[in-house]
Amino acid sequence: TLFAYLIFLSVVAIILVFGIPVMVQQIRGFIEGLPFHLARAREIGAALGEQYLRMQLQLPPALENVVESAISEFQAFALSILRRAPVATISLISAIATFILAPIVAFYLLKDLKRIGAFFLEVFPESRRETVTSVISIINRAVGGFVRG
């Protein structure tokens, strides 16, 4: 089991050492490129506005209001996504780590359950171990009956 722990910890260390810097670099690149992309979007918007003015189409005021509100809603939506991106990334990493670690921890807990129980009993004085064992047995039956229904 020690070998399995060492392999697991090595894999986690490798992921942390090589994965975190790559993710930080990607996020940094995204943040650094964001002003360029926003400026480009403004240029495209200005070009579309100029084309609109050249065509000299007159939209009804109600339709202009709808277009303007849609644009402002889209801007607010994009800004909210950008604000939530770091938290969502951390949550995703946490969920993936939990998804990977939970079965491994559960396996080793189940595998070593008897040793863990024996260690727990050794904490109590030898004169009280029988009492502790009977109390744990009663608790086990009660909780087990509750869980099973």
N, C-alpha and C. Protein backbone atom coordinates (compact mmCIF):
# COMPACT_ATOMS: atom_id res chain seq x y z
N THR A 1 0.82 -1.20 0.00
CA THR A 1 0.00 0.00 0.00
C THR A 1 0.86 1.26 0.00
N LEU A 2 2.03 1.19 0.61
CA LEU A 2 2.91 2.35 0.62
C LEU A 2 3.33 2.70 -0.80
N PHE A 3 3.59 1.67 -1.59
CA PHE A 3 3.97 1.90 -2.99
C PHE A 3 2.85 2.58 -3.76
N ALA A 4 1.62 2.16 -3.51
CA ALA A 4 0.47 2.79 -4.18
C ALA A 4 0.33 4.25 -3.76
N TYR A 5 0.53 4.51 -2.46
CA TYR A 5 0.48 5.90 -1.99
C TYR A 5 1.56 6.75 -2.66
N LEU A 6 2.76 6.20 -2.75
CA LEU A 6 3.86 6.94 -3.38
C LEU A 6 3.56 7.22 -4.86
N ILE A 7 3.02 6.24 -5.55
CA ILE A 7 2.67 6.45 -6.96
C ILE A 7 1.60 7.52 -7.07
N PHE A 8 0.59 7.42 -6.23
CA PHE A 8 -0.50 8.40 -6.28
C PHE A 8 0.02 9.80 -5.98
N LEU A 9 0.80 9.95 -4.93
CA LEU A 9 1.34 11.26 -4.58
C LEU A 9 2.28 11.78 -5.67
N SER A 10 3.01 10.89 -6.32
CA SER A 10 3.88 11.31 -7.42
C SER A 10 3.06 11.84 -8.59
N VAL A 11 1.98 11.15 -8.92
CA VAL A 11 1.12 11.60 -10.01
C VAL A 11 0.50 12.96 -9.68
N VAL A 12 0.03 13.11 -8.45
CA VAL A 12 -0.55 14.40 -8.03
C VAL A 12 0.51 15.50 -8.09
N ALA A 13 1.73 15.20 -7.63
CA ALA A 13 2.80 16.20 -7.66
C ALA A 13 3.15 16.58 -9.10
N ILE A 14 3.20 15.61 -9.99
CA ILE A 14 3.50 15.90 -11.40
C ILE A 14 2.41 16.76 -12.00
N ILE A 15 1.16 16.44 -11.70
CA ILE A 15 0.05 17.25 -12.22
C ILE A 15 0.15 18.67 -11.69
N LEU A 16 0.45 18.82 -10.41
CA LEU A 16 0.56 20.16 -9.84
C LEU A 16 1.75 20.92 -10.42
N VAL A 17 2.89 20.25 -10.54
CA VAL A 17 4.09 20.93 -11.02
C VAL A 17 3.96 21.34 -12.48
N PHE A 18 3.39 20.47 -13.31
CA PHE A 18 3.30 20.78 -14.73
C PHE A 18 1.96 21.36 -15.14
N GLY A 19 0.90 21.02 -14.45
CA GLY A 19 -0.43 21.47 -14.85
C GLY A 19 -0.77 22.88 -14.42
N ILE A 20 -0.45 23.22 -13.18
CA ILE A 20 -0.79 24.55 -12.67
C ILE A 20 -0.09 25.65 -13.46
N PRO A 21 1.22 25.56 -13.73
CA PRO A 21 1.84 26.63 -14.52
C PRO A 21 1.23 26.79 -15.91
N VAL A 22 0.87 25.69 -16.54
CA VAL A 22 0.25 25.78 -17.86
C VAL A 22 -1.10 26.49 -17.77
N MET A 23 -1.88 26.13 -16.75
CA MET A 23 -3.18 26.79 -16.59
C MET A 23 -3.01 28.27 -16.29
N VAL A 24 -2.04 28.61 -15.44
CA VAL A 24 -1.78 30.02 -15.13
C VAL A 24 -1.35 30.76 -16.39
N GLN A 25 -0.52 30.13 -17.20
CA GLN A 25 -0.07 30.75 -18.45
C GLN A 25 -1.24 30.97 -19.40
N GLN A 26 -2.13 30.00 -19.50
CA GLN A 26 -3.30 30.13 -20.37
C GLN A 26 -4.20 31.26 -19.89
N ILE A 27 -4.44 31.32 -18.59
CA ILE A 27 -5.29 32.38 -18.04
C ILE A 27 -4.64 33.74 -18.24
N ARG A 28 -3.33 33.81 -18.02
CA ARG A 28 -2.61 35.07 -18.22
C ARG A 28 -2.69 35.51 -19.69
N GLY A 29 -2.51 34.55 -20.60
CA GLY A 29 -2.62 34.87 -22.03
C GLY A 29 -4.00 35.37 -22.39
N PHE A 30 -5.01 34.74 -21.81
CA PHE A 30 -6.39 35.18 -22.06
C PHE A 30 -6.60 36.60 -21.56
N ILE A 31 -6.12 36.88 -20.35
CA ILE A 31 -6.30 38.21 -19.77
C ILE A 31 -5.51 39.26 -20.56
N GLU A 32 -4.29 38.90 -20.98
CA GLU A 32 -3.49 39.84 -21.76
C GLU A 32 -4.10 40.09 -23.14
N GLY A 33 -4.72 39.08 -23.73
CA GLY A 33 -5.33 39.24 -25.05
C GLY A 33 -6.71 39.86 -25.01
N LEU A 34 -7.29 39.94 -23.83
CA LEU A 34 -8.64 40.47 -23.71
C LEU A 34 -8.78 41.90 -24.22
N PRO A 35 -7.87 42.82 -23.88
CA PRO A 35 -8.02 44.18 -24.43
C PRO A 35 -8.00 44.21 -25.96
N PHE A 36 -7.14 43.39 -26.56
CA PHE A 36 -7.09 43.33 -28.03
C PHE A 36 -8.43 42.85 -28.59
N HIS A 37 -8.97 41.80 -28.00
CA HIS A 37 -10.24 41.26 -28.50
C HIS A 37 -11.38 42.25 -28.29
N LEU A 38 -11.38 42.95 -27.16
CA LEU A 38 -12.41 43.95 -26.93
C LEU A 38 -12.28 45.11 -27.90
N ALA A 39 -11.03 45.54 -28.17
CA ALA A 39 -10.82 46.62 -29.14
C ALA A 39 -11.27 46.18 -30.53
N ARG A 40 -10.97 44.95 -30.87
CA ARG A 40 -11.39 44.42 -32.18
C ARG A 40 -12.91 44.37 -32.27
N ALA A 41 -13.56 43.97 -31.19
CA ALA A 41 -15.03 43.93 -31.19
C ALA A 41 -15.59 45.34 -31.34
N ARG A 42 -14.94 46.32 -30.71
CA ARG A 42 -15.39 47.71 -30.87
C ARG A 42 -15.22 48.17 -32.31
N GLU A 43 -14.09 47.80 -32.93
CA GLU A 43 -13.86 48.17 -34.33
C GLU A 43 -14.93 47.57 -35.23
N ILE A 44 -15.25 46.32 -34.99
CA ILE A 44 -16.28 45.66 -35.80
C ILE A 44 -17.62 46.34 -35.57
N GLY A 45 -17.91 46.66 -34.32
CA GLY A 45 -19.16 47.37 -34.03
C GLY A 45 -19.21 48.73 -34.70
N ALA A 46 -18.07 49.46 -34.67
CA ALA A 46 -18.03 50.77 -35.33
C ALA A 46 -18.20 50.63 -36.83
N ALA A 47 -17.56 49.61 -37.42
CA ALA A 47 -17.70 49.39 -38.86
C ALA A 47 -19.14 49.06 -39.22
N LEU A 48 -19.78 48.25 -38.40
CA LEU A 48 -21.19 47.94 -38.66
C LEU A 48 -22.05 49.19 -38.53
N GLY A 49 -21.72 50.04 -37.55
CA GLY A 49 -22.46 51.29 -37.38
C GLY A 49 -22.30 52.21 -38.58
N GLU A 50 -21.05 52.27 -39.11
CA GLU A 50 -20.81 53.10 -40.30
C GLU A 50 -21.59 52.57 -41.50
N GLN A 51 -21.60 51.25 -41.66
CA GLN A 51 -22.37 50.66 -42.77
C GLN A 51 -23.85 50.97 -42.60
N TYR A 52 -24.30 50.93 -41.38
CA TYR A 52 -25.70 51.23 -41.10
C TYR A 52 -26.02 52.67 -41.48
N LEU A 53 -25.10 53.59 -41.12
CA LEU A 53 -25.32 55.00 -41.46
C LEU A 53 -25.25 55.24 -42.96
N ARG A 54 -24.34 54.53 -43.67
CA ARG A 54 -24.23 54.69 -45.12
C ARG A 54 -25.50 54.22 -45.82
N MET A 55 -26.09 53.18 -45.28
CA MET A 55 -27.31 52.66 -45.91
C MET A 55 -28.48 53.59 -45.65
N GLN A 56 -28.34 54.44 -44.67
CA GLN A 56 -29.35 55.43 -44.31
C GLN A 56 -30.73 54.82 -44.13
N LEU A 57 -30.72 53.70 -43.48
CA LEU A 57 -32.01 53.08 -43.16
C LEU A 57 -32.52 53.72 -41.88
N GLN A 58 -33.76 53.97 -41.86
CA GLN A 58 -34.37 54.51 -40.66
C GLN A 58 -35.18 53.40 -39.99
N LEU A 59 -34.70 53.01 -38.84
CA LEU A 59 -35.44 52.01 -38.08
C LEU A 59 -36.44 52.73 -37.19
N PRO A 60 -37.54 52.09 -36.95
CA PRO A 60 -38.49 52.68 -36.01
C PRO A 60 -37.83 52.81 -34.63
N PRO A 61 -38.21 53.85 -33.88
CA PRO A 61 -37.58 54.06 -32.56
C PRO A 61 -37.72 52.85 -31.64
N ALA A 62 -38.83 52.15 -31.71
CA ALA A 62 -39.02 50.97 -30.85
C ALA A 62 -37.99 49.90 -31.18
N LEU A 63 -37.71 49.70 -32.47
CA LEU A 63 -36.74 48.69 -32.89
C LEU A 63 -35.32 49.12 -32.50
N GLU A 64 -35.02 50.40 -32.60
CA GLU A 64 -33.72 50.90 -32.16
C GLU A 64 -33.52 50.65 -30.67
N ASN A 65 -34.57 50.88 -29.89
CA ASN A 65 -34.48 50.62 -28.45
C ASN A 65 -34.24 49.15 -28.16
N VAL A 66 -34.89 48.28 -28.92
CA VAL A 66 -34.70 46.83 -28.74
C VAL A 66 -33.26 46.45 -29.04
N VAL A 67 -32.71 46.98 -30.14
CA VAL A 67 -31.33 46.67 -30.52
C VAL A 67 -30.36 47.18 -29.45
N GLU A 68 -30.56 48.41 -29.00
CA GLU A 68 -29.67 48.97 -27.98
C GLU A 68 -29.75 48.19 -26.67
N SER A 69 -30.95 47.79 -26.28
CA SER A 69 -31.07 47.02 -25.03
C SER A 69 -30.44 45.64 -25.18
N ALA A 70 -30.56 45.04 -26.38
CA ALA A 70 -29.93 43.73 -26.61
C ALA A 70 -28.41 43.84 -26.51
N ILE A 71 -27.87 44.92 -27.07
CA ILE A 71 -26.42 45.12 -27.01
C ILE A 71 -25.97 45.31 -25.56
N SER A 72 -26.68 46.13 -24.81
CA SER A 72 -26.28 46.35 -23.41
C SER A 72 -26.44 45.08 -22.58
N GLU A 73 -27.47 44.29 -22.84
CA GLU A 73 -27.64 43.02 -22.12
C GLU A 73 -26.52 42.05 -22.45
N PHE A 74 -26.11 42.02 -23.73
CA PHE A 74 -25.01 41.14 -24.12
C PHE A 74 -23.71 41.57 -23.43
N GLN A 75 -23.47 42.87 -23.35
CA GLN A 75 -22.27 43.36 -22.67
C GLN A 75 -22.30 42.97 -21.19
N ALA A 76 -23.43 43.12 -20.55
CA ALA A 76 -23.55 42.75 -19.13
C ALA A 76 -23.35 41.24 -18.95
N PHE A 77 -23.90 40.45 -19.87
CA PHE A 77 -23.75 39.00 -19.80
C PHE A 77 -22.29 38.60 -19.96
N ALA A 78 -21.59 39.19 -20.94
CA ALA A 78 -20.18 38.88 -21.16
C ALA A 78 -19.34 39.27 -19.95
N LEU A 79 -19.64 40.41 -19.36
CA LEU A 79 -18.91 40.85 -18.17
C LEU A 79 -19.15 39.91 -16.99
N SER A 80 -20.38 39.45 -16.83
CA SER A 80 -20.66 38.52 -15.72
C SER A 80 -19.94 37.19 -15.92
N ILE A 81 -19.83 36.74 -17.16
CA ILE A 81 -19.10 35.50 -17.43
C ILE A 81 -17.62 35.68 -17.09
N LEU A 82 -17.06 36.82 -17.48
CA LEU A 82 -15.65 37.07 -17.18
C LEU A 82 -15.41 37.17 -15.68
N ARG A 83 -16.35 37.71 -14.95
CA ARG A 83 -16.19 37.80 -13.50
C ARG A 83 -16.27 36.43 -12.84
N ARG A 84 -17.08 35.55 -13.39
CA ARG A 84 -17.27 34.23 -12.78
C ARG A 84 -16.22 33.22 -13.23
N ALA A 85 -15.46 33.51 -14.25
CA ALA A 85 -14.51 32.54 -14.82
C ALA A 85 -13.50 32.02 -13.80
N PRO A 86 -12.84 32.87 -13.01
CA PRO A 86 -11.86 32.32 -12.05
C PRO A 86 -12.49 31.39 -11.02
N VAL A 87 -13.63 31.76 -10.49
CA VAL A 87 -14.31 30.93 -9.49
C VAL A 87 -14.75 29.61 -10.12
N ALA A 88 -15.26 29.68 -11.34
CA ALA A 88 -15.69 28.46 -12.02
C ALA A 88 -14.51 27.54 -12.30
N THR A 89 -13.37 28.11 -12.66
CA THR A 89 -12.18 27.31 -12.92
C THR A 89 -11.72 26.60 -11.66
N ILE A 90 -11.68 27.32 -10.56
CA ILE A 90 -11.27 26.71 -9.29
C ILE A 90 -12.27 25.63 -8.87
N SER A 91 -13.55 25.88 -9.06
CA SER A 91 -14.57 24.89 -8.72
C SER A 91 -14.42 23.64 -9.58
N LEU A 92 -14.12 23.83 -10.86
CA LEU A 92 -13.94 22.69 -11.75
C LEU A 92 -12.74 21.85 -11.32
N ILE A 93 -11.64 22.51 -10.99
CA ILE A 93 -10.45 21.78 -10.53
C ILE A 93 -10.75 21.03 -9.24
N SER A 94 -11.48 21.67 -8.34
CA SER A 94 -11.85 21.02 -7.08
C SER A 94 -12.75 19.81 -7.33
N ALA A 95 -13.70 19.95 -8.23
CA ALA A 95 -14.60 18.82 -8.53
C ALA A 95 -13.84 17.66 -9.15
N ILE A 96 -12.92 17.96 -10.05
CA ILE A 96 -12.12 16.90 -10.68
C ILE A 96 -11.26 16.20 -9.63
N ALA A 97 -10.64 16.99 -8.75
CA ALA A 97 -9.81 16.39 -7.69
C ALA A 97 -10.65 15.51 -6.78
N THR A 98 -11.83 15.98 -6.42
CA THR A 98 -12.72 15.18 -5.57
C THR A 98 -13.14 13.91 -6.29
N PHE A 99 -13.47 14.02 -7.56
CA PHE A 99 -13.89 12.86 -8.34
C PHE A 99 -12.78 11.81 -8.42
N ILE A 100 -11.53 12.27 -8.46
CA ILE A 100 -10.41 11.34 -8.53
C ILE A 100 -10.06 10.80 -7.14
N LEU A 101 -10.03 11.67 -6.14
CA LEU A 101 -9.57 11.27 -4.81
C LEU A 101 -10.58 10.44 -4.02
N ALA A 102 -11.85 10.73 -4.16
CA ALA A 102 -12.86 10.05 -3.34
C ALA A 102 -12.83 8.53 -3.50
N PRO A 103 -12.82 7.98 -4.71
CA PRO A 103 -12.77 6.52 -4.81
C PRO A 103 -11.48 5.92 -4.25
N ILE A 104 -10.37 6.63 -4.41
CA ILE A 104 -9.10 6.11 -3.91
C ILE A 104 -9.11 6.08 -2.38
N VAL A 105 -9.55 7.16 -1.77
CA VAL A 105 -9.61 7.21 -0.31
C VAL A 105 -10.60 6.17 0.21
N ALA A 106 -11.75 6.05 -0.45
CA ALA A 106 -12.75 5.06 -0.03
C ALA A 106 -12.19 3.65 -0.12
N PHE A 107 -11.45 3.35 -1.19
CA PHE A 107 -10.86 2.03 -1.35
C PHE A 107 -9.92 1.70 -0.20
N TYR A 108 -9.02 2.63 0.10
CA TYR A 108 -8.05 2.36 1.16
C TYR A 108 -8.70 2.36 2.54
N LEU A 109 -9.73 3.15 2.75
CA LEU A 109 -10.45 3.08 4.02
C LEU A 109 -11.11 1.72 4.19
N LEU A 110 -11.76 1.24 3.14
CA LEU A 110 -12.41 -0.07 3.23
C LEU A 110 -11.38 -1.19 3.36
N LYS A 111 -10.26 -1.05 2.67
CA LYS A 111 -9.22 -2.07 2.72
C LYS A 111 -8.61 -2.17 4.12
N ASP A 112 -8.40 -1.04 4.76
CA ASP A 112 -7.74 -1.01 6.06
C ASP A 112 -8.71 -0.81 7.22
N LEU A 113 -9.98 -1.08 7.01
CA LEU A 113 -10.99 -0.81 8.03
C LEU A 113 -10.74 -1.59 9.32
N LYS A 114 -10.34 -2.85 9.20
CA LYS A 114 -10.09 -3.65 10.40
C LYS A 114 -8.89 -3.11 11.18
N ARG A 115 -7.86 -2.70 10.47
CA ARG A 115 -6.68 -2.14 11.16
C ARG A 115 -7.02 -0.81 11.82
N ILE A 116 -7.84 -0.01 11.15
CA ILE A 116 -8.25 1.27 11.73
C ILE A 116 -9.07 1.02 13.00
N GLY A 117 -9.99 0.04 12.93
CA GLY A 117 -10.80 -0.30 14.10
C GLY A 117 -9.94 -0.81 15.25
N ALA A 118 -8.95 -1.65 14.94
CA ALA A 118 -8.06 -2.17 15.99
C ALA A 118 -7.25 -1.04 16.61
N PHE A 119 -6.78 -0.12 15.79
CA PHE A 119 -6.03 1.03 16.32
C PHE A 119 -6.93 1.89 17.21
N PHE A 120 -8.16 2.09 16.78
CA PHE A 120 -9.10 2.88 17.57
C PHE A 120 -9.34 2.23 18.93
N LEU A 121 -9.47 0.92 18.97
CA LEU A 121 -9.70 0.22 20.24
C LEU A 121 -8.48 0.29 21.16
N GLU A 122 -7.28 0.33 20.58
CA GLU A 122 -6.07 0.40 21.39
C GLU A 122 -5.94 1.73 22.12
N VAL A 123 -6.68 2.72 21.70
CA VAL A 123 -6.64 4.02 22.38
C VAL A 123 -7.24 3.90 23.78
N PHE A 124 -8.23 3.02 23.93
CA PHE A 124 -8.92 2.86 25.21
C PHE A 124 -8.17 1.86 26.09
N PRO A 125 -8.30 2.02 27.40
CA PRO A 125 -7.66 1.05 28.31
C PRO A 125 -8.26 -0.34 28.09
N GLU A 126 -7.46 -1.35 28.35
CA GLU A 126 -7.90 -2.72 28.10
C GLU A 126 -9.14 -3.08 28.91
N SER A 127 -9.30 -2.50 30.07
CA SER A 127 -10.46 -2.80 30.91
C SER A 127 -11.75 -2.24 30.31
N ARG A 128 -11.67 -1.26 29.44
CA ARG A 128 -12.87 -0.62 28.86
C ARG A 128 -13.14 -1.05 27.41
N ARG A 129 -12.26 -1.82 26.82
CA ARG A 129 -12.41 -2.16 25.40
C ARG A 129 -13.68 -2.95 25.11
N GLU A 130 -14.05 -3.85 26.01
CA GLU A 130 -15.27 -4.63 25.79
C GLU A 130 -16.49 -3.72 25.80
N THR A 131 -16.53 -2.76 26.71
CA THR A 131 -17.65 -1.81 26.78
C THR A 131 -17.69 -0.95 25.52
N VAL A 132 -16.53 -0.47 25.10
CA VAL A 132 -16.46 0.36 23.89
C VAL A 132 -16.93 -0.45 22.68
N THR A 133 -16.50 -1.70 22.59
CA THR A 133 -16.91 -2.55 21.48
C THR A 133 -18.42 -2.75 21.46
N SER A 134 -19.03 -2.98 22.63
CA SER A 134 -20.48 -3.18 22.66
C SER A 134 -21.22 -1.89 22.30
N VAL A 135 -20.73 -0.74 22.76
CA VAL A 135 -21.38 0.54 22.42
C VAL A 135 -21.27 0.80 20.92
N ILE A 136 -20.09 0.54 20.35
CA ILE A 136 -19.91 0.73 18.90
C ILE A 136 -20.81 -0.22 18.13
N SER A 137 -20.98 -1.43 18.62
CA SER A 137 -21.86 -2.40 17.97
C SER A 137 -23.31 -1.91 17.98
N ILE A 138 -23.76 -1.36 19.11
CA ILE A 138 -25.13 -0.82 19.20
C ILE A 138 -25.29 0.35 18.23
N ILE A 139 -24.31 1.24 18.21
CA ILE A 139 -24.37 2.39 17.28
C ILE A 139 -24.38 1.90 15.83
N ASN A 140 -23.56 0.91 15.54
CA ASN A 140 -23.50 0.36 14.18
C ASN A 140 -24.85 -0.21 13.75
N ARG A 141 -25.51 -0.95 14.64
CA ARG A 141 -26.83 -1.51 14.30
C ARG A 141 -27.85 -0.40 14.08
N ALA A 142 -27.84 0.62 14.95
CA ALA A 142 -28.82 1.71 14.83
C ALA A 142 -28.61 2.50 13.54
N VAL A 143 -27.38 2.87 13.28
CA VAL A 143 -27.09 3.65 12.06
C VAL A 143 -27.32 2.78 10.83
N GLY A 144 -26.89 1.52 10.89
CA GLY A 144 -27.11 0.62 9.76
C GLY A 144 -28.58 0.42 9.46
N GLY A 145 -29.39 0.27 10.51
CA GLY A 145 -30.84 0.13 10.30
C GLY A 145 -31.44 1.39 9.72
N PHE A 146 -30.96 2.54 10.15
CA PHE A 146 -31.46 3.81 9.62
C PHE A 146 -31.10 3.96 8.15
N VAL A 147 -29.87 3.61 7.81
CA VAL A 147 -29.41 3.76 6.42
C VAL A 147 -30.13 2.77 5.50
N ARG A 148 -30.29 1.53 5.97
CA ARG A 148 -30.95 0.53 5.13
C ARG A 148 -32.46 0.76 5.03
N GLY A 149 -33.02 1.48 5.98
CA GLY A 149 -34.46 1.78 5.93
C GLY A 149 -35.18 0.88 6.81
